[in-house]
Amino acid sequence: MTPEFLMIHGAPAPVAPFSHATRVGPWLFVTGQMPTYPEDDFRPLANGVTEQTLQVVFNLRIVLAGCGMDLSHVVQARIYLTEFERDYPAMNDVWRGCFAPGRLPARTCIGVTGLARGALVEIDLLAYRAD
């Protein structure tokens, strides 16, 4: 299988040199999304992890939709938090609301010392769709 390196129209501008996603067969690897705004890359980030997590999920949905998928196809996620102890509960509240009961993907959550653009949260995904 040859990998497809995908740039999604309408998704946020990458903050570094990467593709929005890479598809290999039924697997989709979605690059970590930041809480940036697709329509205005220079707009300041939202205040607080709740608002930033909502924006990250919004951006992930754009990338998934551009690849013919949605959050129901997500099988694994990695979440990065710069203020782990402070922001973990609020981020979890947002995350839990993104999925149907009993349909939460596998997940790793990591405390990090910093993220691009001074973000509080970043999330990457692995999605699967058998056609």
N, C-alpha and C. Protein backbone atom coordinates (compact mmCIF):
# COMPACT_ATOMS: atom_id res chain seq x y z
N MET A 1 0.83 -1.18 0.00
CA MET A 1 0.00 0.00 0.00
C MET A 1 0.88 1.24 0.00
N THR A 2 0.51 2.15 -0.85
CA THR A 2 1.24 3.41 -0.93
C THR A 2 0.57 4.44 -0.05
N PRO A 3 1.33 5.09 0.84
CA PRO A 3 0.73 6.13 1.68
C PRO A 3 0.26 7.32 0.86
N GLU A 4 -0.86 7.91 1.28
CA GLU A 4 -1.36 9.16 0.70
C GLU A 4 -1.12 10.26 1.73
N PHE A 5 -0.45 11.31 1.32
CA PHE A 5 -0.16 12.43 2.21
C PHE A 5 -1.17 13.53 1.88
N LEU A 6 -2.03 13.84 2.84
CA LEU A 6 -3.22 14.64 2.57
C LEU A 6 -3.17 16.02 3.22
N MET A 7 -3.46 17.03 2.41
CA MET A 7 -3.68 18.39 2.90
C MET A 7 -5.16 18.68 2.67
N ILE A 8 -5.85 19.09 3.72
CA ILE A 8 -7.30 19.23 3.68
C ILE A 8 -7.68 20.69 3.51
N HIS A 9 -8.44 20.96 2.45
CA HIS A 9 -8.94 22.32 2.20
C HIS A 9 -9.84 22.75 3.36
N GLY A 10 -9.60 23.93 3.88
CA GLY A 10 -10.40 24.47 4.98
C GLY A 10 -9.88 24.14 6.36
N ALA A 11 -8.88 23.26 6.45
CA ALA A 11 -8.28 22.93 7.74
C ALA A 11 -7.29 24.03 8.13
N PRO A 12 -6.92 24.11 9.40
CA PRO A 12 -5.97 25.13 9.81
C PRO A 12 -4.63 24.99 9.08
N ALA A 13 -3.96 26.11 8.91
CA ALA A 13 -2.62 26.09 8.32
C ALA A 13 -1.69 25.32 9.25
N PRO A 14 -0.88 24.43 8.72
CA PRO A 14 0.07 23.71 9.57
C PRO A 14 1.02 24.68 10.27
N VAL A 15 1.36 24.36 11.52
CA VAL A 15 2.30 25.19 12.28
C VAL A 15 3.74 24.73 12.07
N ALA A 16 3.93 23.69 11.25
CA ALA A 16 5.26 23.14 10.94
C ALA A 16 5.14 22.39 9.62
N PRO A 17 6.24 21.87 9.08
CA PRO A 17 6.16 21.15 7.81
C PRO A 17 5.62 19.72 7.99
N PHE A 18 4.32 19.56 7.74
CA PHE A 18 3.68 18.24 7.82
C PHE A 18 2.39 18.23 7.02
N SER A 19 1.87 17.04 6.77
CA SER A 19 0.56 16.85 6.15
C SER A 19 -0.50 16.84 7.25
N HIS A 20 -1.72 17.21 6.92
CA HIS A 20 -2.80 17.13 7.90
C HIS A 20 -3.06 15.68 8.31
N ALA A 21 -2.92 14.77 7.36
CA ALA A 21 -3.15 13.36 7.63
C ALA A 21 -2.42 12.52 6.60
N THR A 22 -2.19 11.27 6.96
CA THR A 22 -1.62 10.28 6.05
C THR A 22 -2.52 9.05 6.08
N ARG A 23 -2.94 8.62 4.89
CA ARG A 23 -3.79 7.43 4.79
C ARG A 23 -2.94 6.27 4.26
N VAL A 24 -3.07 5.13 4.94
CA VAL A 24 -2.45 3.90 4.48
C VAL A 24 -3.53 2.83 4.56
N GLY A 25 -4.06 2.46 3.40
CA GLY A 25 -5.17 1.51 3.37
C GLY A 25 -6.35 2.07 4.15
N PRO A 26 -6.91 1.29 5.09
CA PRO A 26 -8.07 1.76 5.85
C PRO A 26 -7.69 2.64 7.05
N TRP A 27 -6.40 2.86 7.26
CA TRP A 27 -5.91 3.61 8.43
C TRP A 27 -5.64 5.06 8.07
N LEU A 28 -6.03 5.95 8.98
CA LEU A 28 -5.77 7.37 8.81
C LEU A 28 -5.04 7.88 10.05
N PHE A 29 -3.87 8.45 9.82
CA PHE A 29 -3.06 9.03 10.88
C PHE A 29 -3.21 10.55 10.79
N VAL A 30 -3.85 11.14 11.79
CA VAL A 30 -4.14 12.57 11.77
C VAL A 30 -3.11 13.30 12.63
N THR A 31 -2.43 14.25 12.01
CA THR A 31 -1.45 15.05 12.72
C THR A 31 -2.10 15.79 13.88
N GLY A 32 -1.34 15.97 14.94
CA GLY A 32 -1.84 16.72 16.09
C GLY A 32 -2.35 18.08 15.67
N GLN A 33 -3.57 18.38 16.07
CA GLN A 33 -4.17 19.67 15.76
C GLN A 33 -4.04 20.60 16.95
N MET A 34 -3.87 21.86 16.63
CA MET A 34 -3.71 22.91 17.61
C MET A 34 -5.03 23.69 17.72
N PRO A 35 -5.16 24.53 18.74
CA PRO A 35 -6.38 25.33 18.88
C PRO A 35 -6.34 26.62 18.05
N THR A 36 -5.81 26.51 16.84
CA THR A 36 -5.77 27.64 15.93
C THR A 36 -7.08 27.70 15.15
N TYR A 37 -7.30 28.81 14.48
CA TYR A 37 -8.55 29.03 13.76
C TYR A 37 -8.32 28.89 12.26
N PRO A 38 -9.06 28.00 11.60
CA PRO A 38 -8.86 27.79 10.17
C PRO A 38 -9.01 29.06 9.34
N GLU A 39 -9.93 29.93 9.74
CA GLU A 39 -10.23 31.13 8.95
C GLU A 39 -9.26 32.28 9.22
N ASP A 40 -8.48 32.20 10.31
CA ASP A 40 -7.55 33.29 10.66
C ASP A 40 -6.40 32.73 11.47
N ASP A 41 -5.33 32.37 10.77
CA ASP A 41 -4.18 31.74 11.40
C ASP A 41 -3.50 32.65 12.43
N PHE A 42 -3.71 33.95 12.35
CA PHE A 42 -3.05 34.88 13.25
C PHE A 42 -3.90 35.29 14.44
N ARG A 43 -5.13 34.82 14.48
CA ARG A 43 -6.02 35.13 15.61
C ARG A 43 -5.43 34.54 16.89
N PRO A 44 -5.43 35.29 17.98
CA PRO A 44 -4.92 34.75 19.25
C PRO A 44 -5.70 33.52 19.68
N LEU A 45 -5.02 32.60 20.33
CA LEU A 45 -5.68 31.39 20.82
C LEU A 45 -6.68 31.74 21.92
N ALA A 46 -7.70 30.91 22.05
CA ALA A 46 -8.69 31.10 23.10
C ALA A 46 -8.04 30.97 24.46
N ASN A 47 -8.63 31.59 25.45
CA ASN A 47 -8.15 31.46 26.82
C ASN A 47 -8.75 30.21 27.45
N GLY A 48 -7.94 29.45 28.12
CA GLY A 48 -8.41 28.29 28.88
C GLY A 48 -8.46 27.01 28.08
N VAL A 49 -8.26 25.92 28.79
CA VAL A 49 -8.17 24.61 28.14
C VAL A 49 -9.52 24.14 27.61
N THR A 50 -10.62 24.54 28.21
CA THR A 50 -11.93 24.12 27.70
C THR A 50 -12.14 24.66 26.30
N GLU A 51 -11.96 25.96 26.12
CA GLU A 51 -12.13 26.59 24.81
C GLU A 51 -11.12 26.07 23.80
N GLN A 52 -9.88 25.88 24.25
CA GLN A 52 -8.87 25.38 23.33
C GLN A 52 -9.15 23.93 22.92
N THR A 53 -9.61 23.11 23.85
CA THR A 53 -9.94 21.72 23.50
C THR A 53 -11.10 21.68 22.51
N LEU A 54 -12.10 22.50 22.72
CA LEU A 54 -13.21 22.57 21.76
C LEU A 54 -12.72 22.95 20.37
N GLN A 55 -11.79 23.90 20.28
CA GLN A 55 -11.25 24.31 18.98
C GLN A 55 -10.43 23.20 18.34
N VAL A 56 -9.63 22.50 19.15
CA VAL A 56 -8.84 21.38 18.63
C VAL A 56 -9.78 20.32 18.05
N VAL A 57 -10.82 19.97 18.77
CA VAL A 57 -11.77 18.96 18.28
C VAL A 57 -12.46 19.44 17.00
N PHE A 58 -12.82 20.71 16.95
CA PHE A 58 -13.40 21.29 15.73
C PHE A 58 -12.43 21.10 14.55
N ASN A 59 -11.15 21.38 14.78
CA ASN A 59 -10.14 21.23 13.73
C ASN A 59 -9.96 19.77 13.33
N LEU A 60 -9.97 18.88 14.30
CA LEU A 60 -9.87 17.45 14.00
C LEU A 60 -11.04 16.99 13.14
N ARG A 61 -12.23 17.50 13.44
CA ARG A 61 -13.42 17.14 12.64
C ARG A 61 -13.27 17.60 11.19
N ILE A 62 -12.68 18.76 10.98
CA ILE A 62 -12.45 19.25 9.62
C ILE A 62 -11.54 18.29 8.87
N VAL A 63 -10.44 17.89 9.50
CA VAL A 63 -9.49 16.98 8.85
C VAL A 63 -10.15 15.63 8.58
N LEU A 64 -10.83 15.09 9.57
CA LEU A 64 -11.51 13.80 9.38
C LEU A 64 -12.54 13.88 8.25
N ALA A 65 -13.34 14.93 8.24
CA ALA A 65 -14.36 15.09 7.19
C ALA A 65 -13.72 15.17 5.81
N GLY A 66 -12.60 15.85 5.72
CA GLY A 66 -11.89 15.95 4.45
C GLY A 66 -11.35 14.62 3.96
N CYS A 67 -11.32 13.65 4.86
CA CYS A 67 -10.86 12.30 4.52
C CYS A 67 -12.01 11.30 4.50
N GLY A 68 -13.24 11.81 4.55
CA GLY A 68 -14.41 10.94 4.50
C GLY A 68 -14.69 10.22 5.80
N MET A 69 -14.27 10.78 6.91
CA MET A 69 -14.48 10.15 8.22
C MET A 69 -15.04 11.16 9.20
N ASP A 70 -15.33 10.66 10.41
CA ASP A 70 -15.74 11.53 11.51
C ASP A 70 -15.22 10.91 12.81
N LEU A 71 -15.60 11.49 13.93
CA LEU A 71 -15.08 11.01 15.21
C LEU A 71 -15.45 9.57 15.52
N SER A 72 -16.51 9.05 14.91
CA SER A 72 -16.89 7.66 15.15
C SER A 72 -15.86 6.68 14.58
N HIS A 73 -14.98 7.15 13.70
CA HIS A 73 -13.94 6.30 13.13
C HIS A 73 -12.66 6.29 13.96
N VAL A 74 -12.57 7.12 14.96
CA VAL A 74 -11.34 7.24 15.76
C VAL A 74 -11.19 6.03 16.67
N VAL A 75 -10.02 5.40 16.61
CA VAL A 75 -9.74 4.23 17.44
C VAL A 75 -8.70 4.53 18.52
N GLN A 76 -7.93 5.60 18.33
CA GLN A 76 -6.89 5.93 19.31
C GLN A 76 -6.59 7.41 19.23
N ALA A 77 -6.27 8.00 20.38
CA ALA A 77 -5.90 9.42 20.43
C ALA A 77 -4.76 9.62 21.41
N ARG A 78 -3.96 10.63 21.13
CA ARG A 78 -2.94 11.10 22.07
C ARG A 78 -3.24 12.56 22.34
N ILE A 79 -3.29 12.90 23.61
CA ILE A 79 -3.58 14.27 24.02
C ILE A 79 -2.39 14.79 24.80
N TYR A 80 -1.96 15.99 24.45
CA TYR A 80 -0.81 16.62 25.09
C TYR A 80 -1.29 17.86 25.82
N LEU A 81 -0.94 17.98 27.11
CA LEU A 81 -1.34 19.12 27.93
C LEU A 81 -0.11 19.78 28.54
N THR A 82 -0.04 21.10 28.48
CA THR A 82 1.10 21.79 29.08
C THR A 82 0.90 22.02 30.58
N GLU A 83 -0.34 22.03 31.04
CA GLU A 83 -0.65 22.20 32.46
C GLU A 83 -1.48 21.00 32.91
N PHE A 84 -0.83 19.84 32.98
CA PHE A 84 -1.52 18.57 33.15
C PHE A 84 -2.43 18.55 34.38
N GLU A 85 -1.89 18.80 35.54
CA GLU A 85 -2.67 18.72 36.78
C GLU A 85 -3.86 19.68 36.76
N ARG A 86 -3.64 20.88 36.31
CA ARG A 86 -4.69 21.90 36.30
C ARG A 86 -5.76 21.60 35.26
N ASP A 87 -5.35 21.18 34.05
CA ASP A 87 -6.26 21.12 32.90
C ASP A 87 -6.85 19.75 32.59
N TYR A 88 -6.33 18.71 33.20
CA TYR A 88 -6.78 17.35 32.89
C TYR A 88 -8.30 17.17 33.10
N PRO A 89 -8.87 17.58 34.23
CA PRO A 89 -10.32 17.38 34.41
C PRO A 89 -11.17 18.14 33.38
N ALA A 90 -10.84 19.38 33.10
CA ALA A 90 -11.63 20.17 32.15
C ALA A 90 -11.51 19.60 30.74
N MET A 91 -10.31 19.19 30.35
CA MET A 91 -10.14 18.58 29.02
C MET A 91 -10.96 17.31 28.92
N ASN A 92 -10.96 16.49 29.99
CA ASN A 92 -11.74 15.25 29.99
C ASN A 92 -13.23 15.53 29.82
N ASP A 93 -13.73 16.58 30.43
CA ASP A 93 -15.15 16.92 30.28
C ASP A 93 -15.50 17.19 28.82
N VAL A 94 -14.64 17.93 28.13
CA VAL A 94 -14.87 18.19 26.70
C VAL A 94 -14.77 16.90 25.91
N TRP A 95 -13.71 16.15 26.13
CA TRP A 95 -13.43 14.92 25.37
C TRP A 95 -14.59 13.94 25.50
N ARG A 96 -15.06 13.73 26.71
CA ARG A 96 -16.15 12.78 26.97
C ARG A 96 -17.39 13.15 26.14
N GLY A 97 -17.65 14.43 25.99
CA GLY A 97 -18.82 14.87 25.25
C GLY A 97 -18.71 14.74 23.74
N CYS A 98 -17.56 14.35 23.24
CA CYS A 98 -17.35 14.23 21.79
C CYS A 98 -17.73 12.85 21.25
N PHE A 99 -18.00 11.91 22.13
CA PHE A 99 -18.24 10.52 21.70
C PHE A 99 -19.51 9.98 22.33
N ALA A 100 -20.12 9.06 21.62
CA ALA A 100 -21.30 8.37 22.15
C ALA A 100 -20.91 7.53 23.36
N PRO A 101 -21.81 7.35 24.31
CA PRO A 101 -21.51 6.51 25.47
C PRO A 101 -21.04 5.12 25.03
N GLY A 102 -20.01 4.65 25.67
CA GLY A 102 -19.46 3.33 25.35
C GLY A 102 -18.63 3.29 24.09
N ARG A 103 -18.36 4.45 23.45
CA ARG A 103 -17.62 4.49 22.17
C ARG A 103 -16.37 5.37 22.28
N LEU A 104 -15.76 5.40 23.46
CA LEU A 104 -14.54 6.19 23.63
C LEU A 104 -13.35 5.45 23.04
N PRO A 105 -12.53 6.14 22.23
CA PRO A 105 -11.35 5.49 21.68
C PRO A 105 -10.28 5.26 22.75
N ALA A 106 -9.36 4.36 22.47
CA ALA A 106 -8.18 4.21 23.32
C ALA A 106 -7.47 5.56 23.36
N ARG A 107 -6.75 5.84 24.46
CA ARG A 107 -6.19 7.18 24.58
C ARG A 107 -4.98 7.19 25.50
N THR A 108 -4.04 8.04 25.18
CA THR A 108 -2.92 8.37 26.05
C THR A 108 -2.94 9.86 26.25
N CYS A 109 -2.73 10.31 27.48
CA CYS A 109 -2.68 11.74 27.77
C CYS A 109 -1.33 12.03 28.42
N ILE A 110 -0.62 13.00 27.88
CA ILE A 110 0.76 13.26 28.26
C ILE A 110 0.93 14.71 28.68
N GLY A 111 1.59 14.93 29.80
CA GLY A 111 1.98 16.27 30.21
C GLY A 111 3.28 16.65 29.52
N VAL A 112 3.31 17.82 28.91
CA VAL A 112 4.49 18.27 28.17
C VAL A 112 4.90 19.66 28.67
N THR A 113 6.13 20.04 28.35
CA THR A 113 6.63 21.33 28.82
C THR A 113 6.25 22.49 27.92
N GLY A 114 5.83 22.21 26.70
CA GLY A 114 5.42 23.27 25.81
C GLY A 114 4.85 22.73 24.52
N LEU A 115 4.01 23.55 23.87
CA LEU A 115 3.43 23.23 22.57
C LEU A 115 3.58 24.44 21.66
N ALA A 116 3.51 24.20 20.36
CA ALA A 116 3.61 25.29 19.39
C ALA A 116 2.58 26.36 19.68
N ARG A 117 2.95 27.59 19.39
CA ARG A 117 2.08 28.76 19.54
C ARG A 117 1.62 29.00 20.98
N GLY A 118 2.25 28.36 21.95
CA GLY A 118 1.85 28.56 23.33
C GLY A 118 0.54 27.88 23.70
N ALA A 119 0.12 26.90 22.90
CA ALA A 119 -1.14 26.21 23.14
C ALA A 119 -1.10 25.44 24.46
N LEU A 120 -2.28 25.22 25.02
CA LEU A 120 -2.43 24.43 26.23
C LEU A 120 -2.69 22.96 25.91
N VAL A 121 -3.19 22.66 24.69
CA VAL A 121 -3.58 21.30 24.33
C VAL A 121 -3.33 21.05 22.85
N GLU A 122 -2.98 19.82 22.54
CA GLU A 122 -2.85 19.33 21.17
C GLU A 122 -3.34 17.89 21.17
N ILE A 123 -3.99 17.47 20.09
CA ILE A 123 -4.52 16.11 20.01
C ILE A 123 -4.23 15.54 18.63
N ASP A 124 -3.67 14.32 18.59
CA ASP A 124 -3.54 13.60 17.33
C ASP A 124 -4.38 12.33 17.40
N LEU A 125 -4.69 11.77 16.23
CA LEU A 125 -5.63 10.65 16.15
C LEU A 125 -5.15 9.55 15.21
N LEU A 126 -5.67 8.37 15.47
CA LEU A 126 -5.60 7.26 14.52
C LEU A 126 -7.03 6.84 14.27
N ALA A 127 -7.43 6.82 13.01
CA ALA A 127 -8.80 6.46 12.65
C ALA A 127 -8.76 5.28 11.67
N TYR A 128 -9.86 4.54 11.62
CA TYR A 128 -9.96 3.35 10.77
C TYR A 128 -11.30 3.36 10.07
N ARG A 129 -11.23 3.07 8.77
CA ARG A 129 -12.48 2.93 8.00
C ARG A 129 -12.29 1.86 6.95
N ALA A 130 -12.99 0.76 7.15
CA ALA A 130 -12.97 -0.33 6.17
C ALA A 130 -14.05 -0.03 5.13
N ASP A 131 -13.68 0.01 3.89
CA ASP A 131 -14.67 0.29 2.83
C ASP A 131 -15.06 -0.96 2.09
